Amino acid sequence: MDKLAKATLQGSGQSMGLSSSGNQSNRNIYPAIVVSNEDPLGMKRIIARIVSLDENGEINGGRDRDTPTEQLPFSVPMMPNHFHIIPIEGEMVYILLENPSDNSAPRYYMGSQINSSFKLKFQAYEEAERVFKDTKFNLNKSKNSDINASLMFPKVGDIAIQGRDDSDLILRPREVFLVAGKFKDGTTDLNIDSPSSFQLTQLENSDNKEENLIPRYSQANITSTNVNIFSSRGKFRAESLAKFEINEDLKSFGELANTLHPAVFGDELIKLLDLMIRVVLNHIHTPQVSLVPTPESKELSTYTVEGELQRIISNHIRIN
């Protein structure tokens, strides 16, 4: 195919998949590259240039080829302000022209167009434009090629909002999953050192043959290195109480965690109360003399601030 034929086909929008046409005057929707996301009025408008790519993937011409950047009109977002998504300079968006015959007519945009789950932070126009390529070759790294990563990404049938950098809100059947930091920083290795997630789910025991089970129940699971649960009207910890807690991790968790009380392990507390009750009920002593030692009293004596009392409190769940 000679250069004249290529140029003719590209100009008429019949480039046979070799390039994206940015020249037709009768089109309404164009892929465009973001050149500025600075809106002096803070209305999430952007400036995007309608371009074309040649068969080598290089930006070449396009509808806005003769328009200086300072003369390009603002493009208005088509997403409501409830969703805060502002494309980054260099990314690809779709521009909708209100009047295709007038290049200065109002413009609207959708985007960013990002094709890879691994490129949510940024994907350049030249890569994003591959979505138009009619090929089965793996142009983008697929999440399905990474078994561990595929477990954490949204699946077909899920509805999700994904942040730019490793944070998701995923809606699954009868489940809401909010996660920050799925992977170790800069990798696709699962973050098992400091995972942070919040899961709400509805479950059933209908298939379990064991009797006396609740047939249906809901569950909330919070996973994090440190969990703070507090009320602005709650009882914050006095500094004098800090001496009763031995927790080396606490100095790492910031000011808020240090103003909260450690949560108590209910079963550990019941164990201590049971021990105290048995010592009281079974003690033997002569007035003015210490009680006669028993196995229970010896065990009770280990419950000091420096000893077993620390087993009763959580080092990582804070409340007020």
C-alpha atoms as a PDB file:
ATOM      1  CA  MET A   1       0.000   0.000   0.000  1.00  0.00           C
ATOM      2  CA  ASP A   2       1.641   3.265  -1.075  1.00  0.00           C
ATOM      3  CA  LYS A   3       1.764   6.440   1.020  1.00  0.00           C
ATOM      4  CA  LEU A   4      -0.937   8.202  -1.023  1.00  0.00           C
ATOM      5  CA  ALA A   5      -3.370   5.331  -0.543  1.00  0.00           C
ATOM      6  CA  LYS A   6      -2.627   5.191   3.170  1.00  0.00           C
ATOM      7  CA  ALA A   7      -3.177   8.907   3.545  1.00  0.00           C
ATOM      8  CA  THR A   8      -6.448   8.732   1.609  1.00  0.00           C
ATOM      9  CA  LEU A   9      -7.789   5.867   3.709  1.00  0.00           C
ATOM     10  CA  GLN A  10      -6.692   7.487   6.964  1.00  0.00           C
ATOM     11  CA  GLY A  11      -8.282  10.785   6.055  1.00  0.00           C
ATOM     12  CA  SER A  12     -11.598   9.077   5.335  1.00  0.00           C
ATOM     13  CA  GLY A  13     -11.483   6.978   8.471  1.00  0.00           C
ATOM     14  CA  GLN A  14     -10.832   3.712   6.603  1.00  0.00           C
ATOM     15  CA  SER A  15      -7.297   3.014   7.764  1.00  0.00           C
ATOM     16  CA  MET A  16      -7.868  -0.759   7.990  1.00  0.00           C
ATOM     17  CA  GLY A  17      -6.758  -0.862  11.631  1.00  0.00           C
ATOM     18  CA  LEU A  18      -3.382   0.666  10.892  1.00  0.00           C
ATOM     19  CA  SER A  19      -4.073   3.879  12.751  1.00  0.00           C
ATOM     20  CA  SER A  20      -6.756   5.854  14.591  1.00  0.00           C
ATOM     21  CA  SER A  21      -8.322   8.546  12.450  1.00  0.00           C
ATOM     22  CA  GLY A  22      -8.552  11.980  13.956  1.00  0.00           C
ATOM     23  CA  ASN A  23      -9.544  13.828  10.799  1.00  0.00           C
ATOM     24  CA  GLN A  24     -13.152  13.081   9.841  1.00  0.00           C
ATOM     25  CA  SER A  25     -15.512  16.036  10.028  1.00  0.00           C
ATOM     26  CA  ASN A  26     -18.616  13.858  10.396  1.00  0.00           C
ATOM     27  CA  ARG A  27     -17.490  11.979  13.484  1.00  0.00           C
ATOM     28  CA  ASN A  28     -18.823  12.767  16.955  1.00  0.00           C
ATOM     29  CA  ILE A  29     -16.438  10.741  19.132  1.00  0.00           C
ATOM     30  CA  TYR A  30     -12.649  10.864  18.976  1.00  0.00           C
ATOM     31  CA  PRO A  31      -9.811   9.453  21.051  1.00  0.00           C
ATOM     32  CA  ALA A  32      -7.686  12.335  22.336  1.00  0.00           C
ATOM     33  CA  ILE A  33      -4.582  12.915  24.423  1.00  0.00           C
ATOM     34  CA  VAL A  34      -4.825  15.027  27.597  1.00  0.00           C
ATOM     35  CA  VAL A  35      -2.537  18.061  27.426  1.00  0.00           C
ATOM     36  CA  SER A  36      -3.769  19.831  30.589  1.00  0.00           C
ATOM     37  CA  ASN A  37      -5.983  18.999  33.572  1.00  0.00           C
ATOM     38  CA  GLU A  38      -5.710  22.419  35.222  1.00  0.00           C
ATOM     39  CA  ASP A  39      -9.125  24.064  35.503  1.00  0.00           C
ATOM     40  CA  PRO A  40      -9.012  27.541  37.118  1.00  0.00           C
ATOM     41  CA  LEU A  41     -12.646  27.121  38.197  1.00  0.00           C
ATOM     42  CA  GLY A  42     -12.139  23.642  39.672  1.00  0.00           C
ATOM     43  CA  MET A  43     -14.889  22.041  37.567  1.00  0.00           C
ATOM     44  CA  LYS A  44     -12.782  19.065  36.406  1.00  0.00           C
ATOM     45  CA  ARG A  45     -12.585  20.318  32.843  1.00  0.00           C
ATOM     46  CA  ILE A  46      -9.570  19.307  30.809  1.00  0.00           C
ATOM     47  CA  ILE A  47      -7.895  20.272  27.568  1.00  0.00           C
ATOM     48  CA  ALA A  48      -7.350  17.355  25.218  1.00  0.00           C
ATOM     49  CA  ARG A  49      -5.949  17.253  21.688  1.00  0.00           C
ATOM     50  CA  ILE A  50      -7.598  15.049  19.055  1.00  0.00           C
ATOM     51  CA  VAL A  51      -4.737  13.238  17.345  1.00  0.00           C
ATOM     52  CA  SER A  52      -4.039  10.332  15.007  1.00  0.00           C
ATOM     53  CA  LEU A  53      -1.503   7.542  15.220  1.00  0.00           C
ATOM     54  CA  ASP A  54       0.347   6.274  12.183  1.00  0.00           C
ATOM     55  CA  GLU A  55       1.069   2.598  11.532  1.00  0.00           C
ATOM     56  CA  ASN A  56       4.164   2.852  13.735  1.00  0.00           C
ATOM     57  CA  GLY A  57       2.147   4.029  16.717  1.00  0.00           C
ATOM     58  CA  GLU A  58       3.490   7.574  16.476  1.00  0.00           C
ATOM     59  CA  ILE A  59       1.263  10.625  17.028  1.00  0.00           C
ATOM     60  CA  ASN A  60       0.806  12.205  13.620  1.00  0.00           C
ATOM     61  CA  GLY A  61      -1.680  14.965  12.812  1.00  0.00           C
ATOM     62  CA  GLY A  62      -5.336  14.651  13.725  1.00  0.00           C
ATOM     63  CA  ARG A  63      -8.298  16.980  13.850  1.00  0.00           C
ATOM     64  CA  ASP A  64      -6.511  19.421  16.157  1.00  0.00           C
ATOM     65  CA  ARG A  65      -3.192  19.312  14.282  1.00  0.00           C
ATOM     66  CA  ASP A  66      -3.416  22.988  13.264  1.00  0.00           C
ATOM     67  CA  THR A  67      -4.771  24.304  16.593  1.00  0.00           C
ATOM     68  CA  PRO A  68      -2.276  25.705  19.119  1.00  0.00           C
ATOM     69  CA  THR A  69      -2.691  24.300  22.621  1.00  0.00           C
ATOM     70  CA  GLU A  70      -3.713  27.687  24.040  1.00  0.00           C
ATOM     71  CA  GLN A  71      -6.625  27.792  21.571  1.00  0.00           C
ATOM     72  CA  LEU A  72      -7.980  24.316  22.297  1.00  0.00           C
ATOM     73  CA  PRO A  73     -11.369  24.530  24.082  1.00  0.00           C
ATOM     74  CA  PHE A  74     -12.092  23.023  27.475  1.00  0.00           C
ATOM     75  CA  SER A  75     -13.720  19.586  27.501  1.00  0.00           C
ATOM     76  CA  VAL A  76     -16.504  19.136  30.053  1.00  0.00           C
ATOM     77  CA  PRO A  77     -16.693  15.900  32.112  1.00  0.00           C
ATOM     78  CA  MET A  78     -19.604  13.564  31.425  1.00  0.00           C
ATOM     79  CA  MET A  79     -19.294  11.926  34.864  1.00  0.00           C
ATOM     80  CA  PRO A  80     -21.183  13.501  37.779  1.00  0.00           C
ATOM     81  CA  ASN A  81     -19.147  15.132  40.525  1.00  0.00           C
ATOM     82  CA  HIS A  82     -19.956  12.221  42.840  1.00  0.00           C
ATOM     83  CA  PHE A  83     -17.127  10.359  41.062  1.00  0.00           C
ATOM     84  CA  HIS A  84     -13.809  12.148  41.353  1.00  0.00           C
ATOM     85  CA  ILE A  85     -11.860  11.052  38.280  1.00  0.00           C
ATOM     86  CA  ILE A  86      -9.539  13.549  36.610  1.00  0.00           C
ATOM     87  CA  PRO A  87      -7.381  12.278  33.726  1.00  0.00           C
ATOM     88  CA  ILE A  88      -3.630  12.824  33.912  1.00  0.00           C
ATOM     89  CA  GLU A  89      -1.665  14.656  31.233  1.00  0.00           C
ATOM     90  CA  GLY A  90      -0.595  12.184  28.562  1.00  0.00           C
ATOM     91  CA  GLU A  91      -3.513   9.787  29.084  1.00  0.00           C
ATOM     92  CA  MET A  92      -6.198   8.965  26.544  1.00  0.00           C
ATOM     93  CA  VAL A  93      -9.802  10.145  26.800  1.00  0.00           C
ATOM     94  CA  TYR A  94     -12.803  10.062  24.489  1.00  0.00           C
ATOM     95  CA  ILE A  95     -13.974  13.446  23.230  1.00  0.00           C
ATOM     96  CA  LEU A  96     -17.595  13.956  22.159  1.00  0.00           C
ATOM     97  CA  LEU A  97     -18.169  16.920  19.845  1.00  0.00           C
ATOM     98  CA  GLU A  98     -21.471  18.743  20.129  1.00  0.00           C
ATOM     99  CA  ASN A  99     -21.110  20.021  16.542  1.00  0.00           C
ATOM    100  CA  PRO A 100     -18.679  17.962  14.442  1.00  0.00           C
ATOM    101  CA  SER A 101     -18.500  20.644  11.752  1.00  0.00           C
ATOM    102  CA  ASP A 102     -17.239  23.272  14.214  1.00  0.00           C
ATOM    103  CA  ASN A 103     -13.936  22.509  15.891  1.00  0.00           C
ATOM    104  CA  SER A 104     -14.548  25.188  18.534  1.00  0.00           C
ATOM    105  CA  ALA A 105     -17.979  23.835  19.518  1.00  0.00           C
ATOM    106  CA  PRO A 106     -18.493  22.537  23.091  1.00  0.00           C
ATOM    107  CA  ARG A 107     -16.632  19.331  23.882  1.00  0.00           C
ATOM    108  CA  TYR A 108     -17.305  16.604  26.436  1.00  0.00           C
ATOM    109  CA  TYR A 109     -15.011  13.840  27.643  1.00  0.00           C
ATOM    110  CA  MET A 110     -15.064  10.346  29.143  1.00  0.00           C
ATOM    111  CA  GLY A 111     -11.961   8.752  30.551  1.00  0.00           C
ATOM    112  CA  SER A 112      -9.239   8.038  31.251  1.00  0.00           C
ATOM    113  CA  GLN A 113      -9.100   5.053  28.912  1.00  0.00           C
ATOM    114  CA  ILE A 114      -6.858   2.519  30.666  1.00  0.00           C
ATOM    115  CA  ASN A 115      -6.639  -1.026  29.365  1.00  0.00           C
ATOM    116  CA  SER A 116      -4.562  -2.798  32.006  1.00  0.00           C
ATOM    117  CA  SER A 117      -5.320  -3.406  35.681  1.00  0.00           C
ATOM    118  CA  PHE A 118      -1.605  -2.960  36.263  1.00  0.00           C
ATOM    119  CA  LYS A 119      -1.578   0.536  34.708  1.00  0.00           C
ATOM    120  CA  LEU A 120      -4.280   2.271  36.765  1.00  0.00           C
ATOM    121  CA  LYS A 121      -1.747   4.758  38.078  1.00  0.00           C
ATOM    122  CA  PHE A 122      -0.976   5.950  34.541  1.00  0.00           C
ATOM    123  CA  GLN A 123      -1.169   4.625  31.000  1.00  0.00           C
ATOM    124  CA  ALA A 124       0.088   6.705  28.090  1.00  0.00           C
ATOM    125  CA  TYR A 125      -2.108   7.484  25.087  1.00  0.00           C
ATOM    126  CA  GLU A 126       0.107   5.409  22.805  1.00  0.00           C
ATOM    127  CA  GLU A 127      -0.555   2.290  24.936  1.00  0.00           C
ATOM    128  CA  ALA A 128      -4.228   2.983  25.656  1.00  0.00           C
ATOM    129  CA  GLU A 129      -4.943   3.379  21.932  1.00  0.00           C
ATOM    130  CA  ARG A 130      -4.186  -0.324  21.530  1.00  0.00           C
ATOM    131  CA  VAL A 131      -7.755  -1.007  22.602  1.00  0.00           C
ATOM    132  CA  PHE A 132      -8.661  -0.441  18.940  1.00  0.00           C
ATOM    133  CA  LYS A 133      -6.199  -3.057  17.677  1.00  0.00           C
ATOM    134  CA  ASP A 134      -7.848  -6.174  16.232  1.00  0.00           C
ATOM    135  CA  THR A 135      -5.340  -8.676  17.590  1.00  0.00           C
ATOM    136  CA  LYS A 136      -5.192 -11.622  19.968  1.00  0.00           C
ATOM    137  CA  PHE A 137      -1.632 -10.901  21.015  1.00  0.00           C
ATOM    138  CA  ASN A 138      -1.137  -9.935  24.665  1.00  0.00           C
ATOM    139  CA  LEU A 139      -0.358  -6.217  24.334  1.00  0.00           C
ATOM    140  CA  ASN A 140      -0.976  -5.566  28.033  1.00  0.00           C
ATOM    141  CA  LYS A 141       0.037  -7.714  30.974  1.00  0.00           C
ATOM    142  CA  SER A 142      -3.051  -9.707  31.908  1.00  0.00           C
ATOM    143  CA  LYS A 143      -4.138 -10.151  35.498  1.00  0.00           C
ATOM    144  CA  ASN A 144      -5.088 -13.729  34.621  1.00  0.00           C
ATOM    145  CA  SER A 145      -1.435 -14.497  33.909  1.00  0.00           C
ATOM    146  CA  ASP A 146      -0.628 -13.825  37.563  1.00  0.00           C
ATOM    147  CA  ILE A 147      -2.540 -16.268  39.793  1.00  0.00           C
ATOM    148  CA  ASN A 148      -1.930 -14.374  43.038  1.00  0.00           C
ATOM    149  CA  ALA A 149      -2.844 -11.010  41.528  1.00  0.00           C
ATOM    150  CA  SER A 150      -5.996 -12.407  39.913  1.00  0.00           C
ATOM    151  CA  LEU A 151      -7.331 -13.335  43.365  1.00  0.00           C
ATOM    152  CA  MET A 152      -7.374  -9.681  44.414  1.00  0.00           C
ATOM    153  CA  PHE A 153      -8.529  -7.920  41.243  1.00  0.00           C
ATOM    154  CA  PRO A 154     -12.247  -7.547  40.445  1.00  0.00           C
ATOM    155  CA  LYS A 155     -13.647 -10.473  38.482  1.00  0.00           C
ATOM    156  CA  VAL A 156     -16.174 -10.650  35.673  1.00  0.00           C
ATOM    157  CA  GLY A 157     -19.578  -9.988  37.249  1.00  0.00           C
ATOM    158  CA  ASP A 158     -18.163  -7.773  40.012  1.00  0.00           C
ATOM    159  CA  ILE A 159     -18.772  -4.031  40.113  1.00  0.00           C
ATOM    160  CA  ALA A 160     -15.790  -2.067  41.339  1.00  0.00           C
ATOM    161  CA  ILE A 161     -14.266   1.353  41.800  1.00  0.00           C
ATOM    162  CA  GLN A 162     -10.486   1.139  41.534  1.00  0.00           C
ATOM    163  CA  GLY A 163      -8.164   3.873  42.699  1.00  0.00           C
ATOM    164  CA  ARG A 164      -5.079   5.036  40.856  1.00  0.00           C
ATOM    165  CA  ASP A 165      -2.720   3.251  43.204  1.00  0.00           C
ATOM    166  CA  ASP A 166      -3.692  -0.075  44.770  1.00  0.00           C
ATOM    167  CA  SER A 167      -7.024   0.613  46.479  1.00  0.00           C
ATOM    168  CA  ASP A 168     -10.402  -0.872  45.489  1.00  0.00           C
ATOM    169  CA  LEU A 169     -14.063  -0.938  46.399  1.00  0.00           C
ATOM    170  CA  ILE A 170     -15.492  -4.183  45.026  1.00  0.00           C
ATOM    171  CA  LEU A 171     -19.185  -5.130  45.043  1.00  0.00           C
ATOM    172  CA  ARG A 172     -19.782  -8.873  44.754  1.00  0.00           C
ATOM    173  CA  PRO A 173     -22.970 -10.900  45.257  1.00  0.00           C
ATOM    174  CA  ARG A 174     -24.043 -10.110  48.845  1.00  0.00           C
ATOM    175  CA  GLU A 175     -20.567  -8.797  49.653  1.00  0.00           C
ATOM    176  CA  VAL A 176     -18.780  -5.457  49.858  1.00  0.00           C
ATOM    177  CA  PHE A 177     -14.975  -5.531  49.929  1.00  0.00           C
ATOM    178  CA  LEU A 178     -12.912  -2.398  50.563  1.00  0.00           C
ATOM    179  CA  VAL A 179      -9.139  -2.843  50.375  1.00  0.00           C
ATOM    180  CA  ALA A 180      -6.070  -0.595  50.516  1.00  0.00           C
ATOM    181  CA  GLY A 181      -2.651  -1.994  49.648  1.00  0.00           C
ATOM    182  CA  LYS A 182      -3.487  -5.358  48.083  1.00  0.00           C
ATOM    183  CA  PHE A 183       0.093  -5.797  46.944  1.00  0.00           C
ATOM    184  CA  LYS A 184       3.546  -5.059  48.238  1.00  0.00           C
ATOM    185  CA  ASP A 185       4.561  -1.601  47.078  1.00  0.00           C
ATOM    186  CA  GLY A 186       5.606  -1.595  43.434  1.00  0.00           C
ATOM    187  CA  THR A 187       4.931  -5.324  42.888  1.00  0.00           C
ATOM    188  CA  THR A 188       2.085  -7.763  42.283  1.00  0.00           C
ATOM    189  CA  ASP A 189       3.095  -9.894  45.281  1.00  0.00           C
ATOM    190  CA  LEU A 190       0.255 -10.175  47.782  1.00  0.00           C
ATOM    191  CA  ASN A 191       0.637  -7.935  50.819  1.00  0.00           C
ATOM    192  CA  ILE A 192       0.608 -10.386  53.712  1.00  0.00           C
ATOM    193  CA  ASP A 193       2.692  -8.199  56.036  1.00  0.00           C
ATOM    194  CA  SER A 194       0.302  -5.257  56.497  1.00  0.00           C
ATOM    195  CA  PRO A 195      -2.997  -6.003  54.719  1.00  0.00           C
ATOM    196  CA  SER A 196      -5.855  -3.569  55.289  1.00  0.00           C
ATOM    197  CA  SER A 197      -9.424  -4.399  54.285  1.00  0.00           C
ATOM    198  CA  PHE A 198     -13.050  -4.135  55.341  1.00  0.00           C
ATOM    199  CA  GLN A 199     -15.488  -6.853  54.286  1.00  0.00           C
ATOM    200  CA  LEU A 200     -19.262  -6.941  54.728  1.00  0.00           C
ATOM    201  CA  THR A 201     -20.905 -10.189  53.704  1.00  0.00           C
ATOM    202  CA  GLN A 202     -24.103 -12.228  54.008  1.00  0.00           C
ATOM    203  CA  LEU A 203     -23.645 -15.960  54.669  1.00  0.00           C
ATOM    204  CA  GLU A 204     -25.777 -19.085  55.063  1.00  0.00           C
ATOM    205  CA  ASN A 205     -25.479 -22.384  56.925  1.00  0.00           C
ATOM    206  CA  SER A 206     -28.189 -24.085  54.865  1.00  0.00           C
ATOM    207  CA  ASP A 207     -25.829 -26.795  53.555  1.00  0.00           C
ATOM    208  CA  ASN A 208     -24.495 -27.653  57.003  1.00  0.00           C
ATOM    209  CA  LYS A 209     -26.170 -30.724  58.526  1.00  0.00           C
ATOM    210  CA  GLU A 210     -25.189 -29.802  62.076  1.00  0.00           C
ATOM    211  CA  GLU A 211     -28.213 -28.813  64.168  1.00  0.00           C
ATOM    212  CA  ASN A 212     -28.803 -25.593  66.084  1.00  0.00           C
ATOM    213  CA  LEU A 213     -26.878 -23.429  63.609  1.00  0.00           C
ATOM    214  CA  ILE A 214     -28.120 -19.984  62.660  1.00  0.00           C
ATOM    215  CA  PRO A 215     -29.462 -20.519  59.135  1.00  0.00           C
ATOM    216  CA  ARG A 216     -28.409 -17.070  57.890  1.00  0.00           C
ATOM    217  CA  TYR A 217     -26.070 -14.483  59.330  1.00  0.00           C
ATOM    218  CA  SER A 218     -24.098 -11.396  58.351  1.00  0.00           C
ATOM    219  CA  GLN A 219     -20.451 -10.759  59.114  1.00  0.00           C
ATOM    220  CA  ALA A 220     -18.120  -7.742  59.157  1.00  0.00           C
ATOM    221  CA  ASN A 221     -14.409  -8.441  58.946  1.00  0.00           C
ATOM    222  CA  ILE A 222     -11.834  -5.690  59.532  1.00  0.00           C
ATOM    223  CA  THR A 223      -8.203  -6.571  58.856  1.00  0.00           C
ATOM    224  CA  SER A 224      -5.391  -4.119  59.586  1.00  0.00           C
ATOM    225  CA  THR A 225      -2.116  -3.879  61.492  1.00  0.00           C
ATOM    226  CA  ASN A 226      -3.786  -1.506  63.949  1.00  0.00           C
ATOM    227  CA  VAL A 227      -7.545  -0.958  64.325  1.00  0.00           C
ATOM    228  CA  ASN A 228      -8.911   2.182  66.052  1.00  0.00           C
ATOM    229  CA  ILE A 229     -12.606   2.209  66.966  1.00  0.00           C
ATOM    230  CA  PHE A 230     -13.579   5.419  68.695  1.00  0.00           C
ATOM    231  CA  SER A 231     -16.311   7.963  69.324  1.00  0.00           C
ATOM    232  CA  SER A 232     -15.666  11.687  69.543  1.00  0.00           C
ATOM    233  CA  ARG A 233     -17.708  11.600  72.756  1.00  0.00           C
ATOM    234  CA  GLY A 234     -15.987   8.528  74.153  1.00  0.00           C
ATOM    235  CA  LYS A 235     -13.587   8.193  77.054  1.00  0.00           C
ATOM    236  CA  PHE A 236     -10.033   8.815  75.927  1.00  0.00           C
ATOM    237  CA  ARG A 237      -7.191   7.386  77.979  1.00  0.00           C
ATOM    238  CA  ALA A 238      -5.554   9.385  80.748  1.00  0.00           C
ATOM    239  CA  GLU A 239      -1.759   9.439  80.590  1.00  0.00           C
ATOM    240  CA  SER A 240      -1.572   7.762  84.009  1.00  0.00           C
ATOM    241  CA  LEU A 241      -3.130   4.588  82.552  1.00  0.00           C
ATOM    242  CA  ALA A 242      -0.332   4.113  80.039  1.00  0.00           C
ATOM    243  CA  LYS A 243       1.845   2.476  82.711  1.00  0.00           C
ATOM    244  CA  PHE A 244      -0.541  -0.502  82.847  1.00  0.00           C
ATOM    245  CA  GLU A 245       0.068  -1.435  79.214  1.00  0.00           C
ATOM    246  CA  ILE A 246       3.293  -2.912  77.858  1.00  0.00           C
ATOM    247  CA  ASN A 247       3.120  -2.596  74.069  1.00  0.00           C
ATOM    248  CA  GLU A 248       6.233  -1.896  72.004  1.00  0.00           C
ATOM    249  CA  ASP A 249       4.172  -1.545  68.829  1.00  0.00           C
ATOM    250  CA  LEU A 250       2.145   1.351  70.230  1.00  0.00           C
ATOM    251  CA  LYS A 251       4.863   3.911  69.564  1.00  0.00           C
ATOM    252  CA  SER A 252       4.560   3.127  65.845  1.00  0.00           C
ATOM    253  CA  PHE A 253       0.809   3.691  65.574  1.00  0.00           C
ATOM    254  CA  GLY A 254       0.567   7.463  65.971  1.00  0.00           C
ATOM    255  CA  GLU A 255      -1.084   9.878  68.367  1.00  0.00           C
ATOM    256  CA  LEU A 256      -4.678   8.643  68.053  1.00  0.00           C
ATOM    257  CA  ALA A 257      -3.867   5.048  68.968  1.00  0.00           C
ATOM    258  CA  ASN A 258      -2.027   6.246  72.060  1.00  0.00           C
ATOM    259  CA  THR A 259      -5.107   8.125  73.312  1.00  0.00           C
ATOM    260  CA  LEU A 260      -7.272   5.000  73.110  1.00  0.00           C
ATOM    261  CA  HIS A 261      -7.634   2.043  75.454  1.00  0.00           C
ATOM    262  CA  PRO A 262      -6.607  -1.488  74.475  1.00  0.00           C
ATOM    263  CA  ALA A 263      -9.552  -3.789  73.800  1.00  0.00           C
ATOM    264  CA  VAL A 264      -9.998  -6.634  76.287  1.00  0.00           C
ATOM    265  CA  PHE A 265     -10.017 -10.311  75.320  1.00  0.00           C
ATOM    266  CA  GLY A 266     -13.240 -11.597  76.821  1.00  0.00           C
ATOM    267  CA  ASP A 267     -12.173 -15.222  77.249  1.00  0.00           C
ATOM    268  CA  GLU A 268      -8.882 -14.231  78.895  1.00  0.00           C
ATOM    269  CA  LEU A 269     -10.800 -11.975  81.299  1.00  0.00           C
ATOM    270  CA  ILE A 270     -13.234 -14.771  82.163  1.00  0.00           C
ATOM    271  CA  LYS A 271     -10.283 -17.083  82.811  1.00  0.00           C
ATOM    272  CA  LEU A 272      -8.864 -14.572  85.328  1.00  0.00           C
ATOM    273  CA  LEU A 273     -12.237 -13.994  87.010  1.00  0.00           C
ATOM    274  CA  ASP A 274     -12.809 -17.743  87.281  1.00  0.00           C
ATOM    275  CA  LEU A 275      -9.385 -18.151  88.888  1.00  0.00           C
ATOM    276  CA  MET A 276     -10.063 -15.324  91.362  1.00  0.00           C
ATOM    277  CA  ILE A 277     -13.442 -16.801  92.326  1.00  0.00           C
ATOM    278  CA  ARG A 278     -11.974 -20.264  92.924  1.00  0.00           C
ATOM    279  CA  VAL A 279      -9.162 -18.816  95.074  1.00  0.00           C
ATOM    280  CA  VAL A 280     -11.652 -16.827  97.158  1.00  0.00           C
ATOM    281  CA  LEU A 281     -14.061 -19.742  97.621  1.00  0.00           C
ATOM    282  CA  ASN A 282     -11.387 -22.296  98.441  1.00  0.00           C
ATOM    283  CA  HIS A 283      -8.838 -20.239 100.363  1.00  0.00           C
ATOM    284  CA  ILE A 284      -7.600 -21.263 103.818  1.00  0.00           C
ATOM    285  CA  HIS A 285      -5.864 -18.819 106.102  1.00  0.00           C
ATOM    286  CA  THR A 286      -5.406 -17.860 109.721  1.00  0.00           C
ATOM    287  CA  PRO A 287      -6.135 -14.244 110.731  1.00  0.00           C
ATOM    288  CA  GLN A 288      -3.120 -11.992 110.276  1.00  0.00           C
ATOM    289  CA  VAL A 289      -1.433 -14.714 108.227  1.00  0.00           C
ATOM    290  CA  SER A 290      -1.258 -15.038 104.454  1.00  0.00           C
ATOM    291  CA  LEU A 291      -3.499 -17.599 102.833  1.00  0.00           C
ATOM    292  CA  VAL A 292      -2.256 -21.108 102.491  1.00  0.00           C
ATOM    293  CA  PRO A 293      -0.735 -21.480  99.004  1.00  0.00           C
ATOM    294  CA  THR A 294      -2.692 -23.590  96.502  1.00  0.00           C
ATOM    295  CA  PRO A 295      -2.153 -24.284  92.800  1.00  0.00           C
ATOM    296  CA  GLU A 296      -4.835 -21.702  92.033  1.00  0.00           C
ATOM    297  CA  SER A 297      -3.301 -19.007  94.231  1.00  0.00           C
ATOM    298  CA  LYS A 298       0.140 -19.603  92.722  1.00  0.00           C
ATOM    299  CA  GLU A 299      -1.322 -19.167  89.240  1.00  0.00           C
ATOM    300  CA  LEU A 300      -3.177 -16.029  90.339  1.00  0.00           C
ATOM    301  CA  SER A 301       0.065 -14.498  91.611  1.00  0.00           C
ATOM    302  CA  THR A 302       1.410 -14.433  88.033  1.00  0.00           C
ATOM    303  CA  TYR A 303      -1.241 -11.891  87.047  1.00  0.00           C
ATOM    304  CA  THR A 304       0.764  -8.682  87.419  1.00  0.00           C
ATOM    305  CA  VAL A 305       1.228  -5.700  85.121  1.00  0.00           C
ATOM    306  CA  GLU A 306       4.569  -7.097  84.001  1.00  0.00           C
ATOM    307  CA  GLY A 307       3.149 -10.625  83.775  1.00  0.00           C
ATOM    308  CA  GLU A 308      -0.042 -12.365  82.749  1.00  0.00           C
ATOM    309  CA  LEU A 309      -2.271  -9.266  82.931  1.00  0.00           C
ATOM    310  CA  GLN A 310      -0.866  -8.255  79.541  1.00  0.00           C
ATOM    311  CA  ARG A 311      -2.522 -11.375  78.058  1.00  0.00           C
ATOM    312  CA  ILE A 312      -5.944  -9.851  78.726  1.00  0.00           C
ATOM    313  CA  ILE A 313      -5.549  -6.856  76.405  1.00  0.00           C
ATOM    314  CA  SER A 314      -5.063  -6.495  72.675  1.00  0.00           C
ATOM    315  CA  ASN A 315      -1.947  -4.786  71.388  1.00  0.00           C
ATOM    316  CA  HIS A 316      -3.591  -3.811  68.118  1.00  0.00           C
ATOM    317  CA  ILE A 317      -7.312  -3.115  68.681  1.00  0.00           C
ATOM    318  CA  ARG A 318      -7.900   0.282  70.304  1.00  0.00           C
ATOM    319  CA  ILE A 319     -11.215   1.621  71.637  1.00  0.00           C
ATOM    320  CA  ASN A 320     -12.662   4.401  73.799  1.00  0.00           C
END
